[in-house]
């Protein structure tokens, strides 16, 4: 009699269980010192580390590194974009004062593809990679800021860090290829059709010899 009430109750219970499961997964990841499982979706931020860093350029504080193991939500041909906002504390642009950011995709067969960029001015910068048909094993990356002449020149603030994962739309490409194949077949059929003339067929004129014989 009260099915609508039961549906609402079950919905609330289901939502509560999902929230509790997320908390359990987070605590287990912290206990095992491993990254939390990434969320599913076509466009997801999978960054699990800090979102703000301050580098001084000194040996114990001159780089940021990360290593993100793959899970079942990573797919073949995924695209990845690592974006960071940089703020150099020196006021004038200086080509000798730069940071280096790099990202790598490691596949299950231990082959690696990488992208690298030099950063010399403040602002948002990113590096991107697209995986191929191999299974992804892990994503790695680093930002390196070398020591400067003074501490002020060496200070570098990093924030607004995101690592976006984009799933590849296989169905779109295959759909385009299928449609192209259909058009090619229709064009071929049109070319194979016999050409018909719209003009009426005129009787063939008699030769002069044939006309003389009749006379």
N, C-alpha and C. Protein backbone atom coordinates (compact mmCIF):
# COMPACT_ATOMS: atom_id res chain seq x y z
N UNK A 1 0.82 -1.21 0.00
CA UNK A 1 0.00 0.00 0.00
C UNK A 1 0.86 1.27 0.00
N UNK A 2 2.01 1.19 0.62
CA UNK A 2 2.87 2.36 0.78
C UNK A 2 4.18 2.14 0.03
N UNK A 3 4.08 1.73 -1.20
CA UNK A 3 5.30 1.46 -1.99
C UNK A 3 6.12 2.72 -2.23
N UNK A 4 5.44 3.88 -2.38
CA UNK A 4 6.17 5.13 -2.62
C UNK A 4 7.04 5.49 -1.41
N UNK A 5 6.50 5.21 -0.20
CA UNK A 5 7.28 5.48 1.01
C UNK A 5 8.47 4.54 1.11
N UNK A 6 8.25 3.26 0.77
CA UNK A 6 9.34 2.28 0.81
C UNK A 6 10.44 2.63 -0.19
N UNK A 7 10.05 3.10 -1.38
CA UNK A 7 11.05 3.50 -2.40
C UNK A 7 11.92 4.63 -1.87
N UNK A 8 11.31 5.62 -1.21
CA UNK A 8 12.09 6.73 -0.65
C UNK A 8 13.03 6.26 0.45
N UNK A 9 12.54 5.33 1.30
CA UNK A 9 13.37 4.81 2.39
C UNK A 9 14.56 4.03 1.82
N UNK A 10 14.29 3.15 0.86
CA UNK A 10 15.37 2.37 0.25
C UNK A 10 16.38 3.29 -0.45
N UNK A 11 15.90 4.38 -1.07
CA UNK A 11 16.80 5.33 -1.72
C UNK A 11 17.74 5.99 -0.73
N UNK A 12 17.19 6.39 0.42
CA UNK A 12 18.02 7.03 1.45
C UNK A 12 19.02 6.04 2.03
N UNK A 13 18.56 4.78 2.26
CA UNK A 13 19.47 3.76 2.79
C UNK A 13 20.59 3.46 1.81
N UNK A 14 20.25 3.38 0.52
CA UNK A 14 21.26 3.11 -0.51
C UNK A 14 22.30 4.23 -0.56
N UNK A 15 21.85 5.48 -0.49
CA UNK A 15 22.76 6.61 -0.50
C UNK A 15 23.68 6.60 0.72
N UNK A 16 23.10 6.25 1.89
CA UNK A 16 23.88 6.19 3.12
C UNK A 16 24.95 5.11 3.03
N UNK A 17 24.60 3.94 2.47
CA UNK A 17 25.55 2.85 2.34
C UNK A 17 26.68 3.21 1.38
N UNK A 18 26.35 3.92 0.30
CA UNK A 18 27.39 4.34 -0.65
C UNK A 18 28.37 5.30 0.01
N UNK A 19 27.86 6.25 0.79
CA UNK A 19 28.72 7.21 1.50
C UNK A 19 29.62 6.49 2.49
N UNK A 20 29.05 5.51 3.21
CA UNK A 20 29.85 4.74 4.16
C UNK A 20 30.92 3.92 3.45
N UNK A 21 30.59 3.37 2.27
CA UNK A 21 31.56 2.59 1.53
C UNK A 21 32.72 3.47 1.06
N UNK A 22 32.42 4.70 0.65
CA UNK A 22 33.47 5.63 0.24
C UNK A 22 34.40 5.95 1.41
N UNK A 23 33.80 6.13 2.60
CA UNK A 23 34.62 6.40 3.79
C UNK A 23 35.51 5.20 4.12
N UNK A 24 34.94 3.99 4.01
CA UNK A 24 35.71 2.77 4.28
C UNK A 24 36.86 2.64 3.29
N UNK A 25 36.60 2.89 2.00
CA UNK A 25 37.64 2.81 0.97
C UNK A 25 38.76 3.81 1.25
N UNK A 26 38.38 5.01 1.67
CA UNK A 26 39.37 6.04 1.96
C UNK A 26 40.25 5.64 3.14
N UNK A 27 39.63 5.12 4.21
CA UNK A 27 40.38 4.71 5.40
C UNK A 27 41.30 3.53 5.09
N UNK A 28 40.82 2.58 4.28
CA UNK A 28 41.65 1.43 3.91
C UNK A 28 42.83 1.87 3.05
N UNK A 29 42.61 2.84 2.17
CA UNK A 29 43.70 3.35 1.34
C UNK A 29 44.75 4.04 2.21
N UNK A 30 44.30 4.81 3.20
CA UNK A 30 45.25 5.46 4.11
C UNK A 30 46.01 4.43 4.94
N UNK A 31 45.30 3.39 5.40
CA UNK A 31 45.95 2.36 6.22
C UNK A 31 46.99 1.59 5.42
N UNK A 32 46.67 1.27 4.17
CA UNK A 32 47.59 0.50 3.33
C UNK A 32 48.60 1.38 2.61
N UNK A 33 48.53 2.70 2.82
CA UNK A 33 49.43 3.67 2.17
C UNK A 33 49.39 3.53 0.65
N UNK A 34 48.21 3.48 0.12
CA UNK A 34 48.02 3.40 -1.33
C UNK A 34 46.96 4.39 -1.76
N UNK A 35 46.97 4.83 -3.03
CA UNK A 35 45.96 5.79 -3.50
C UNK A 35 44.56 5.18 -3.47
N UNK A 36 43.59 6.03 -3.25
CA UNK A 36 42.21 5.58 -3.27
C UNK A 36 41.79 5.28 -4.71
N UNK A 37 40.89 4.32 -4.87
CA UNK A 37 40.39 3.96 -6.19
C UNK A 37 39.78 5.17 -6.88
N UNK A 38 40.13 5.35 -8.15
CA UNK A 38 39.62 6.50 -8.89
C UNK A 38 38.13 6.35 -9.17
N UNK A 39 37.47 7.48 -9.34
CA UNK A 39 36.04 7.46 -9.66
C UNK A 39 35.84 7.11 -11.13
N UNK A 40 34.65 6.59 -11.44
CA UNK A 40 34.33 6.26 -12.83
C UNK A 40 33.75 7.49 -13.51
N UNK A 41 33.83 7.51 -14.84
CA UNK A 41 33.28 8.62 -15.60
C UNK A 41 34.15 8.96 -16.78
N UNK A 42 33.59 9.69 -17.74
CA UNK A 42 34.32 10.04 -18.96
C UNK A 42 35.34 11.14 -18.73
N UNK A 43 35.08 12.07 -17.81
CA UNK A 43 35.99 13.18 -17.51
C UNK A 43 36.10 13.31 -16.00
N UNK A 44 37.21 12.82 -15.43
CA UNK A 44 37.36 12.74 -13.98
C UNK A 44 38.73 13.27 -13.56
N UNK A 45 38.74 14.04 -12.46
CA UNK A 45 40.00 14.45 -11.85
C UNK A 45 40.48 13.32 -10.94
N UNK A 46 41.60 12.69 -11.28
CA UNK A 46 42.10 11.54 -10.52
C UNK A 46 43.27 11.91 -9.61
N UNK A 47 43.51 13.20 -9.42
CA UNK A 47 44.61 13.63 -8.56
C UNK A 47 44.29 13.29 -7.10
N UNK A 48 45.23 12.63 -6.40
CA UNK A 48 45.00 12.20 -5.02
C UNK A 48 46.01 12.79 -4.03
N UNK A 49 46.94 13.60 -4.53
CA UNK A 49 47.97 14.16 -3.65
C UNK A 49 47.56 15.55 -3.16
N UNK A 50 48.52 16.26 -2.54
CA UNK A 50 48.26 17.62 -2.08
C UNK A 50 47.91 18.54 -3.25
N UNK A 51 47.22 19.62 -2.93
CA UNK A 51 46.86 20.59 -3.96
C UNK A 51 47.68 21.88 -3.86
N UNK A 52 48.54 21.98 -2.84
CA UNK A 52 49.40 23.16 -2.68
C UNK A 52 50.79 22.70 -2.24
N UNK A 53 51.81 23.22 -2.92
CA UNK A 53 53.21 22.95 -2.56
C UNK A 53 53.99 24.26 -2.63
N UNK A 54 55.02 24.36 -1.78
CA UNK A 54 55.97 25.46 -1.87
C UNK A 54 57.37 24.85 -1.96
N UNK A 55 58.06 25.14 -3.06
CA UNK A 55 59.41 24.63 -3.28
C UNK A 55 60.42 25.75 -3.08
N UNK A 56 61.57 25.40 -2.47
CA UNK A 56 62.62 26.39 -2.21
C UNK A 56 63.82 26.22 -3.12
N UNK A 57 63.92 25.06 -3.79
CA UNK A 57 65.09 24.81 -4.62
C UNK A 57 66.20 24.08 -3.90
N UNK A 58 66.11 23.95 -2.59
CA UNK A 58 67.13 23.23 -1.84
C UNK A 58 66.90 21.71 -1.96
N UNK A 59 67.96 20.93 -1.77
CA UNK A 59 67.87 19.48 -2.06
C UNK A 59 66.70 18.74 -1.45
N UNK A 60 66.32 19.07 -0.23
CA UNK A 60 65.22 18.36 0.42
C UNK A 60 63.85 18.94 0.06
N UNK A 61 63.85 20.01 -0.71
CA UNK A 61 62.56 20.64 -1.05
C UNK A 61 62.64 21.28 -2.44
N UNK A 62 63.04 20.47 -3.42
CA UNK A 62 63.18 21.02 -4.77
C UNK A 62 62.35 20.27 -5.82
N UNK A 63 61.49 19.35 -5.37
CA UNK A 63 60.69 18.62 -6.36
C UNK A 63 59.40 18.08 -5.75
N UNK A 64 58.45 17.84 -6.65
CA UNK A 64 57.18 17.17 -6.32
C UNK A 64 57.09 15.95 -7.23
N UNK A 65 56.80 14.81 -6.65
CA UNK A 65 56.65 13.59 -7.44
C UNK A 65 55.33 12.90 -7.08
N UNK A 66 54.82 12.13 -8.03
CA UNK A 66 53.63 11.32 -7.75
C UNK A 66 53.68 10.05 -8.57
N UNK A 67 53.01 9.04 -8.07
CA UNK A 67 52.86 7.76 -8.75
C UNK A 67 51.44 7.26 -8.49
N UNK A 68 50.67 7.13 -9.56
CA UNK A 68 49.26 6.75 -9.43
C UNK A 68 49.03 5.41 -10.13
N UNK A 69 48.85 4.34 -9.35
CA UNK A 69 48.57 3.04 -9.98
C UNK A 69 47.24 3.04 -10.72
N UNK A 70 47.17 2.27 -11.77
CA UNK A 70 45.93 2.15 -12.53
C UNK A 70 44.94 1.26 -11.79
N UNK A 71 43.67 1.39 -12.13
CA UNK A 71 42.63 0.50 -11.61
C UNK A 71 41.64 0.22 -12.73
N UNK A 72 40.53 -0.44 -12.40
CA UNK A 72 39.60 -0.87 -13.45
C UNK A 72 38.90 0.29 -14.15
N UNK A 73 38.99 1.50 -13.58
CA UNK A 73 38.36 2.65 -14.22
C UNK A 73 39.25 3.31 -15.28
N UNK A 74 40.50 2.87 -15.38
CA UNK A 74 41.36 3.34 -16.46
C UNK A 74 41.16 2.43 -17.66
N UNK A 75 40.99 3.04 -18.83
CA UNK A 75 40.72 2.29 -20.05
C UNK A 75 41.83 2.51 -21.08
N UNK A 76 41.84 1.61 -22.08
CA UNK A 76 42.76 1.79 -23.19
C UNK A 76 42.42 3.07 -23.94
N UNK A 77 43.44 3.74 -24.44
CA UNK A 77 43.31 4.98 -25.22
C UNK A 77 42.76 6.14 -24.41
N UNK A 78 42.89 6.09 -23.07
CA UNK A 78 42.53 7.24 -22.24
C UNK A 78 43.49 8.40 -22.52
N UNK A 79 42.98 9.63 -22.37
CA UNK A 79 43.82 10.82 -22.45
C UNK A 79 43.98 11.39 -21.05
N UNK A 80 45.19 11.91 -20.75
CA UNK A 80 45.49 12.45 -19.43
C UNK A 80 46.06 13.85 -19.58
N UNK A 81 45.63 14.75 -18.70
CA UNK A 81 46.12 16.12 -18.71
C UNK A 81 46.43 16.54 -17.27
N UNK A 82 47.70 16.88 -17.02
CA UNK A 82 48.14 17.31 -15.68
C UNK A 82 48.33 18.81 -15.72
N UNK A 83 47.53 19.52 -14.96
CA UNK A 83 47.57 20.99 -14.97
C UNK A 83 47.95 21.51 -13.59
N UNK A 84 48.86 22.50 -13.57
CA UNK A 84 49.36 23.09 -12.32
C UNK A 84 49.46 24.61 -12.51
N UNK A 85 49.11 25.35 -11.47
CA UNK A 85 49.33 26.79 -11.51
C UNK A 85 50.64 27.11 -10.80
N UNK A 86 51.52 27.85 -11.49
CA UNK A 86 52.84 28.21 -10.96
C UNK A 86 52.84 29.68 -10.55
N UNK A 87 53.56 29.96 -9.45
CA UNK A 87 53.81 31.35 -9.07
C UNK A 87 55.25 31.48 -8.62
N UNK A 88 56.04 32.15 -9.47
CA UNK A 88 57.42 32.45 -9.11
C UNK A 88 57.43 33.74 -8.29
N UNK A 89 58.24 33.77 -7.23
CA UNK A 89 58.23 34.93 -6.34
C UNK A 89 59.14 36.05 -6.82
N UNK A 90 60.01 35.78 -7.81
CA UNK A 90 60.78 36.86 -8.40
C UNK A 90 59.87 37.64 -9.33
N UNK A 91 60.06 38.94 -9.43
CA UNK A 91 59.12 39.80 -10.15
C UNK A 91 59.38 39.84 -11.65
N UNK A 92 60.61 39.77 -12.08
CA UNK A 92 60.92 39.89 -13.50
C UNK A 92 61.14 38.51 -14.11
N UNK A 93 60.67 38.31 -15.36
CA UNK A 93 60.91 37.02 -16.04
C UNK A 93 62.40 36.77 -16.21
N UNK A 94 62.82 35.57 -15.92
CA UNK A 94 64.24 35.20 -16.02
C UNK A 94 64.32 33.79 -16.58
N UNK A 95 64.96 33.66 -17.75
CA UNK A 95 65.03 32.36 -18.41
C UNK A 95 65.87 31.36 -17.63
N UNK A 96 66.73 31.86 -16.74
CA UNK A 96 67.54 30.95 -15.93
C UNK A 96 66.78 30.43 -14.72
N UNK A 97 65.67 31.08 -14.39
CA UNK A 97 64.84 30.65 -13.27
C UNK A 97 63.64 29.92 -13.85
N UNK A 98 63.72 28.60 -13.89
CA UNK A 98 62.64 27.84 -14.51
C UNK A 98 62.41 26.55 -13.74
N UNK A 99 61.24 26.00 -13.95
CA UNK A 99 60.89 24.69 -13.40
C UNK A 99 60.67 23.73 -14.55
N UNK A 100 60.76 22.46 -14.26
CA UNK A 100 60.54 21.42 -15.27
C UNK A 100 59.44 20.50 -14.76
N UNK A 101 58.41 20.28 -15.60
CA UNK A 101 57.35 19.34 -15.25
C UNK A 101 57.31 18.22 -16.29
N UNK A 102 57.04 17.02 -15.82
CA UNK A 102 57.02 15.86 -16.71
C UNK A 102 55.98 14.86 -16.23
N UNK A 103 55.39 14.15 -17.18
CA UNK A 103 54.43 13.09 -16.86
C UNK A 103 54.72 11.89 -17.74
N UNK A 104 54.55 10.68 -17.19
CA UNK A 104 54.80 9.44 -17.92
C UNK A 104 53.62 8.49 -17.74
N UNK A 105 53.33 7.73 -18.79
CA UNK A 105 52.41 6.60 -18.72
C UNK A 105 53.24 5.33 -18.81
N UNK A 106 53.10 4.46 -17.82
CA UNK A 106 53.80 3.17 -17.81
C UNK A 106 52.78 2.09 -18.12
N UNK A 107 53.07 1.28 -19.16
CA UNK A 107 52.16 0.21 -19.56
C UNK A 107 52.52 -1.10 -18.86
N UNK A 108 51.64 -2.10 -19.00
CA UNK A 108 51.85 -3.39 -18.34
C UNK A 108 53.11 -4.10 -18.82
N UNK A 109 53.56 -3.81 -20.04
CA UNK A 109 54.80 -4.42 -20.53
C UNK A 109 56.02 -3.58 -20.18
N UNK A 110 55.84 -2.59 -19.28
CA UNK A 110 56.89 -1.70 -18.77
C UNK A 110 57.42 -0.71 -19.80
N UNK A 111 56.78 -0.59 -20.95
CA UNK A 111 57.15 0.48 -21.88
C UNK A 111 56.58 1.79 -21.35
N UNK A 112 57.22 2.91 -21.74
CA UNK A 112 56.89 4.21 -21.16
C UNK A 112 56.77 5.25 -22.27
N UNK A 113 55.75 6.11 -22.16
CA UNK A 113 55.66 7.31 -22.99
C UNK A 113 55.65 8.50 -22.04
N UNK A 114 56.26 9.61 -22.46
CA UNK A 114 56.39 10.73 -21.55
C UNK A 114 56.23 12.06 -22.27
N UNK A 115 55.93 13.09 -21.49
CA UNK A 115 55.85 14.46 -21.97
C UNK A 115 56.56 15.35 -20.97
N UNK A 116 57.25 16.38 -21.46
CA UNK A 116 58.04 17.25 -20.57
C UNK A 116 57.87 18.69 -21.03
N UNK A 117 57.90 19.61 -20.07
CA UNK A 117 57.75 21.04 -20.38
C UNK A 117 58.59 21.87 -19.42
N UNK A 118 59.20 22.95 -19.95
CA UNK A 118 59.92 23.91 -19.13
C UNK A 118 59.00 25.09 -18.84
N UNK A 119 58.98 25.53 -17.59
CA UNK A 119 58.10 26.62 -17.17
C UNK A 119 58.96 27.76 -16.65
N UNK A 120 58.80 28.97 -17.24
CA UNK A 120 59.63 30.11 -16.86
C UNK A 120 58.83 31.28 -16.33
N UNK A 121 57.50 31.26 -16.51
CA UNK A 121 56.67 32.37 -16.03
C UNK A 121 55.52 31.85 -15.20
N UNK A 122 54.97 32.72 -14.39
CA UNK A 122 53.83 32.36 -13.54
C UNK A 122 52.58 32.15 -14.39
N UNK A 123 51.71 31.27 -13.91
CA UNK A 123 50.47 30.99 -14.62
C UNK A 123 50.21 29.50 -14.67
N UNK A 124 49.10 29.14 -15.31
CA UNK A 124 48.73 27.72 -15.44
C UNK A 124 49.47 27.08 -16.60
N UNK A 125 50.03 25.91 -16.35
CA UNK A 125 50.71 25.14 -17.38
C UNK A 125 50.24 23.69 -17.28
N UNK A 126 50.31 22.96 -18.39
CA UNK A 126 49.86 21.57 -18.38
C UNK A 126 50.68 20.73 -19.35
N UNK A 127 50.73 19.44 -19.08
CA UNK A 127 51.28 18.46 -20.01
C UNK A 127 50.21 17.40 -20.22
N UNK A 128 50.15 16.86 -21.43
CA UNK A 128 49.12 15.87 -21.74
C UNK A 128 49.69 14.68 -22.47
N UNK A 129 49.04 13.54 -22.28
CA UNK A 129 49.42 12.29 -22.94
C UNK A 129 48.16 11.53 -23.32
N UNK A 130 48.26 10.75 -24.40
CA UNK A 130 47.17 9.86 -24.81
C UNK A 130 47.73 8.45 -24.90
N UNK A 131 47.11 7.52 -24.18
CA UNK A 131 47.58 6.14 -24.18
C UNK A 131 47.15 5.45 -25.46
N UNK A 132 47.80 4.32 -25.77
CA UNK A 132 47.44 3.58 -26.97
C UNK A 132 46.61 2.35 -26.58
N UNK A 133 46.73 1.27 -27.33
CA UNK A 133 45.88 0.10 -27.10
C UNK A 133 46.39 -0.81 -25.99
N UNK A 134 47.49 -0.44 -25.33
CA UNK A 134 48.03 -1.26 -24.23
C UNK A 134 47.35 -0.89 -22.91
N UNK A 135 47.39 -1.84 -21.97
CA UNK A 135 46.82 -1.59 -20.64
C UNK A 135 47.76 -0.67 -19.84
N UNK A 136 47.17 0.32 -19.15
CA UNK A 136 47.96 1.24 -18.34
C UNK A 136 48.29 0.60 -16.99
N UNK A 137 49.56 0.67 -16.61
CA UNK A 137 50.01 0.14 -15.32
C UNK A 137 50.01 1.23 -14.25
N UNK A 138 50.56 2.39 -14.57
CA UNK A 138 50.58 3.50 -13.63
C UNK A 138 50.87 4.81 -14.35
N UNK A 139 50.56 5.91 -13.67
CA UNK A 139 50.86 7.25 -14.15
C UNK A 139 51.87 7.86 -13.18
N UNK A 140 52.96 8.41 -13.73
CA UNK A 140 53.99 9.02 -12.88
C UNK A 140 54.26 10.43 -13.36
N UNK A 141 54.78 11.25 -12.46
CA UNK A 141 55.13 12.60 -12.86
C UNK A 141 55.97 13.29 -11.81
N UNK A 142 56.58 14.43 -12.23
CA UNK A 142 57.38 15.21 -11.27
C UNK A 142 57.43 16.67 -11.73
N UNK A 143 57.69 17.54 -10.77
CA UNK A 143 58.03 18.94 -11.02
C UNK A 143 59.33 19.21 -10.28
N UNK A 144 60.31 19.73 -11.00
CA UNK A 144 61.64 19.97 -10.41
C UNK A 144 61.98 21.45 -10.50
N UNK A 145 62.42 22.00 -9.38
CA UNK A 145 62.82 23.41 -9.33
C UNK A 145 64.22 23.49 -8.73
N UNK A 146 65.26 23.81 -9.52
CA UNK A 146 66.64 23.80 -9.01
C UNK A 146 66.93 24.98 -8.08
N UNK A 147 68.05 24.90 -7.40
CA UNK A 147 68.47 25.93 -6.45
C UNK A 147 68.86 27.21 -7.19
N UNK A 148 68.52 28.37 -6.59
CA UNK A 148 68.86 29.68 -7.17
C UNK A 148 69.94 30.38 -6.36
N UNK A 149 70.26 31.59 -6.84
CA UNK A 149 71.27 32.38 -6.13
C UNK A 149 70.80 32.78 -4.75
N UNK A 150 69.52 33.12 -4.65
CA UNK A 150 68.96 33.53 -3.36
C UNK A 150 67.70 32.72 -3.08
N UNK A 151 67.29 32.68 -1.81
CA UNK A 151 66.10 31.95 -1.43
C UNK A 151 64.86 32.55 -2.08
N UNK A 152 64.83 33.90 -2.21
CA UNK A 152 63.67 34.56 -2.81
C UNK A 152 63.48 34.12 -4.26
N UNK A 153 64.58 34.03 -5.00
CA UNK A 153 64.50 33.59 -6.39
C UNK A 153 64.08 32.13 -6.49
N UNK A 154 64.41 31.34 -5.49
CA UNK A 154 64.11 29.92 -5.53
C UNK A 154 62.72 29.55 -5.11
N UNK A 155 62.00 30.47 -4.47
CA UNK A 155 60.65 30.14 -3.99
C UNK A 155 59.68 29.97 -5.15
N UNK A 156 58.95 28.87 -5.10
CA UNK A 156 57.96 28.57 -6.15
C UNK A 156 56.72 27.98 -5.49
N UNK A 157 55.56 28.60 -5.76
CA UNK A 157 54.29 28.13 -5.23
C UNK A 157 53.56 27.35 -6.32
N UNK A 158 53.09 26.17 -5.97
CA UNK A 158 52.31 25.34 -6.88
C UNK A 158 50.93 25.11 -6.26
N UNK A 159 49.88 25.35 -7.03
CA UNK A 159 48.53 25.09 -6.52
C UNK A 159 47.59 24.81 -7.68
N UNK A 160 46.30 24.65 -7.36
CA UNK A 160 45.25 24.35 -8.36
C UNK A 160 45.65 23.16 -9.23
N UNK A 161 46.12 22.10 -8.58
CA UNK A 161 46.63 20.93 -9.30
C UNK A 161 45.49 19.97 -9.62
N UNK A 162 45.37 19.60 -10.89
CA UNK A 162 44.38 18.62 -11.32
C UNK A 162 45.04 17.65 -12.31
N UNK A 163 44.60 16.41 -12.27
CA UNK A 163 45.03 15.40 -13.23
C UNK A 163 43.77 14.80 -13.85
N UNK A 164 43.42 15.30 -15.03
CA UNK A 164 42.17 14.91 -15.67
C UNK A 164 42.38 13.66 -16.53
N UNK A 165 41.42 12.75 -16.41
CA UNK A 165 41.40 11.54 -17.26
C UNK A 165 40.16 11.59 -18.14
N UNK A 166 40.38 11.41 -19.45
CA UNK A 166 39.28 11.45 -20.41
C UNK A 166 39.20 10.11 -21.13
N UNK A 167 38.01 9.51 -21.12
CA UNK A 167 37.83 8.26 -21.85
C UNK A 167 37.70 8.55 -23.34
N UNK A 168 38.20 7.62 -24.14
CA UNK A 168 38.17 7.75 -25.60
C UNK A 168 36.83 7.25 -26.11
N UNK A 169 36.17 8.04 -27.02
CA UNK A 169 34.86 7.68 -27.56
C UNK A 169 35.03 6.79 -28.77
N UNK A 170 35.17 5.48 -28.56
CA UNK A 170 35.35 4.54 -29.67
C UNK A 170 34.13 4.48 -30.57
N UNK A 171 32.93 4.58 -29.94
CA UNK A 171 31.72 4.42 -30.74
C UNK A 171 31.56 5.54 -31.75
N UNK A 172 32.05 6.75 -31.42
CA UNK A 172 31.92 7.86 -32.35
C UNK A 172 32.75 7.62 -33.60
N UNK A 173 33.99 7.18 -33.41
CA UNK A 173 34.87 6.95 -34.55
C UNK A 173 34.36 5.80 -35.40
N UNK A 174 33.95 4.70 -34.76
CA UNK A 174 33.46 3.57 -35.53
C UNK A 174 32.18 3.93 -36.28
N UNK A 175 31.36 4.81 -35.66
CA UNK A 175 30.15 5.23 -36.33
C UNK A 175 30.45 6.04 -37.58
N UNK A 176 31.46 6.90 -37.50
CA UNK A 176 31.86 7.68 -38.67
C UNK A 176 32.37 6.77 -39.76
N UNK A 177 33.21 5.78 -39.39
CA UNK A 177 33.76 4.86 -40.38
C UNK A 177 32.66 4.03 -41.04
N UNK A 178 31.66 3.59 -40.23
CA UNK A 178 30.56 2.80 -40.79
C UNK A 178 29.75 3.62 -41.77
N UNK A 179 29.46 4.86 -41.42
CA UNK A 179 28.69 5.73 -42.30
C UNK A 179 29.46 5.99 -43.59
N UNK A 180 30.78 6.18 -43.48
CA UNK A 180 31.60 6.41 -44.67
C UNK A 180 31.57 5.19 -45.58
N UNK A 181 31.60 3.98 -44.97
CA UNK A 181 31.53 2.76 -45.77
C UNK A 181 30.22 2.64 -46.52
N UNK A 182 29.12 3.02 -45.87
CA UNK A 182 27.80 2.98 -46.53
C UNK A 182 27.76 3.92 -47.73
N UNK A 183 28.31 5.13 -47.55
CA UNK A 183 28.31 6.10 -48.63
C UNK A 183 29.14 5.62 -49.82
N UNK A 184 30.29 4.97 -49.50
CA UNK A 184 31.14 4.44 -50.57
C UNK A 184 30.42 3.36 -51.36
N UNK A 185 29.69 2.48 -50.67
CA UNK A 185 28.97 1.40 -51.35
C UNK A 185 27.85 1.97 -52.23
N UNK A 186 27.14 2.96 -51.72
CA UNK A 186 26.06 3.57 -52.52
C UNK A 186 26.62 4.26 -53.76
N UNK A 187 27.78 4.90 -53.61
CA UNK A 187 28.40 5.57 -54.75
C UNK A 187 28.81 4.55 -55.81
N UNK A 188 29.35 3.39 -55.36
CA UNK A 188 29.77 2.34 -56.28
C UNK A 188 28.58 1.78 -57.04
N UNK A 189 27.44 1.59 -56.35
CA UNK A 189 26.24 1.08 -57.01
C UNK A 189 25.75 2.04 -58.07
N UNK A 190 25.81 3.33 -57.77
CA UNK A 190 25.36 4.34 -58.74
C UNK A 190 26.23 4.31 -59.99
N UNK A 191 27.54 4.09 -59.80
CA UNK A 191 28.45 4.05 -60.95
C UNK A 191 28.23 2.81 -61.81
N UNK A 192 27.77 1.73 -61.20
CA UNK A 192 27.57 0.48 -61.94
C UNK A 192 26.26 0.45 -62.72
N UNK A 193 25.33 1.38 -62.45
CA UNK A 193 24.05 1.38 -63.16
C UNK A 193 24.26 1.74 -64.62
N UNK A 194 23.52 1.09 -65.60
CA UNK A 194 23.66 1.43 -67.03
C UNK A 194 23.10 2.81 -67.30
N UNK A 195 23.77 3.50 -68.19
CA UNK A 195 23.34 4.86 -68.52
C UNK A 195 22.22 4.80 -69.54
N UNK A 196 21.07 5.42 -69.28
CA UNK A 196 19.91 5.43 -70.18
C UNK A 196 19.74 6.83 -70.73
N UNK A 197 19.46 6.92 -72.01
CA UNK A 197 19.29 8.23 -72.64
C UNK A 197 17.83 8.65 -72.55
N UNK A 198 17.62 9.93 -72.35
CA UNK A 198 16.25 10.46 -72.28
C UNK A 198 15.71 10.82 -73.66
N UNK A 199 16.55 10.84 -74.70
CA UNK A 199 16.12 11.18 -76.05
C UNK A 199 15.44 9.97 -76.71
N UNK A 200 14.36 10.17 -77.50
CA UNK A 200 13.71 9.05 -78.20
C UNK A 200 14.64 8.46 -79.26
N UNK A 201 14.54 7.17 -79.46
CA UNK A 201 15.40 6.48 -80.41
C UNK A 201 14.93 6.77 -81.82
N UNK A 202 15.81 7.32 -82.66
CA UNK A 202 15.49 7.65 -84.04
C UNK A 202 15.75 6.44 -84.93
N UNK A 203 14.84 6.18 -85.92
CA UNK A 203 15.09 5.05 -86.84
C UNK A 203 16.32 5.33 -87.70
N UNK A 204 17.04 4.27 -87.97
CA UNK A 204 18.28 4.40 -88.73
C UNK A 204 17.96 4.74 -90.20
N UNK A 205 18.68 5.73 -90.72
CA UNK A 205 18.45 6.15 -92.11
C UNK A 205 18.96 5.09 -93.08
N UNK A 206 18.20 4.90 -94.19
CA UNK A 206 18.59 3.92 -95.20
C UNK A 206 19.73 4.46 -96.04
N UNK A 207 20.61 3.56 -96.41
CA UNK A 207 21.71 3.94 -97.27
C UNK A 207 21.20 4.18 -98.69
N UNK A 208 21.90 4.97 -99.57
CA UNK A 208 21.47 5.26 -100.95
C UNK A 208 21.32 4.00 -101.79
N UNK A 209 22.18 2.99 -101.59
CA UNK A 209 22.10 1.75 -102.37
C UNK A 209 20.78 1.03 -102.12
N UNK A 210 20.37 1.04 -100.83
CA UNK A 210 19.13 0.36 -100.49
C UNK A 210 17.93 1.08 -101.11
N UNK A 211 17.99 2.42 -101.18
CA UNK A 211 16.90 3.17 -101.80
C UNK A 211 16.79 2.88 -103.29
N UNK A 212 17.93 2.72 -104.03
CA UNK A 212 17.94 2.43 -105.47
C UNK A 212 17.36 1.06 -105.75
N UNK A 213 17.68 0.08 -104.87
CA UNK A 213 17.17 -1.27 -105.07
C UNK A 213 15.66 -1.29 -104.96
N UNK A 214 15.09 -0.52 -104.07
CA UNK A 214 13.64 -0.49 -103.91
C UNK A 214 12.98 0.10 -105.13
N UNK A 215 13.64 1.09 -105.74
CA UNK A 215 13.07 1.68 -106.94
C UNK A 215 13.12 0.69 -108.09
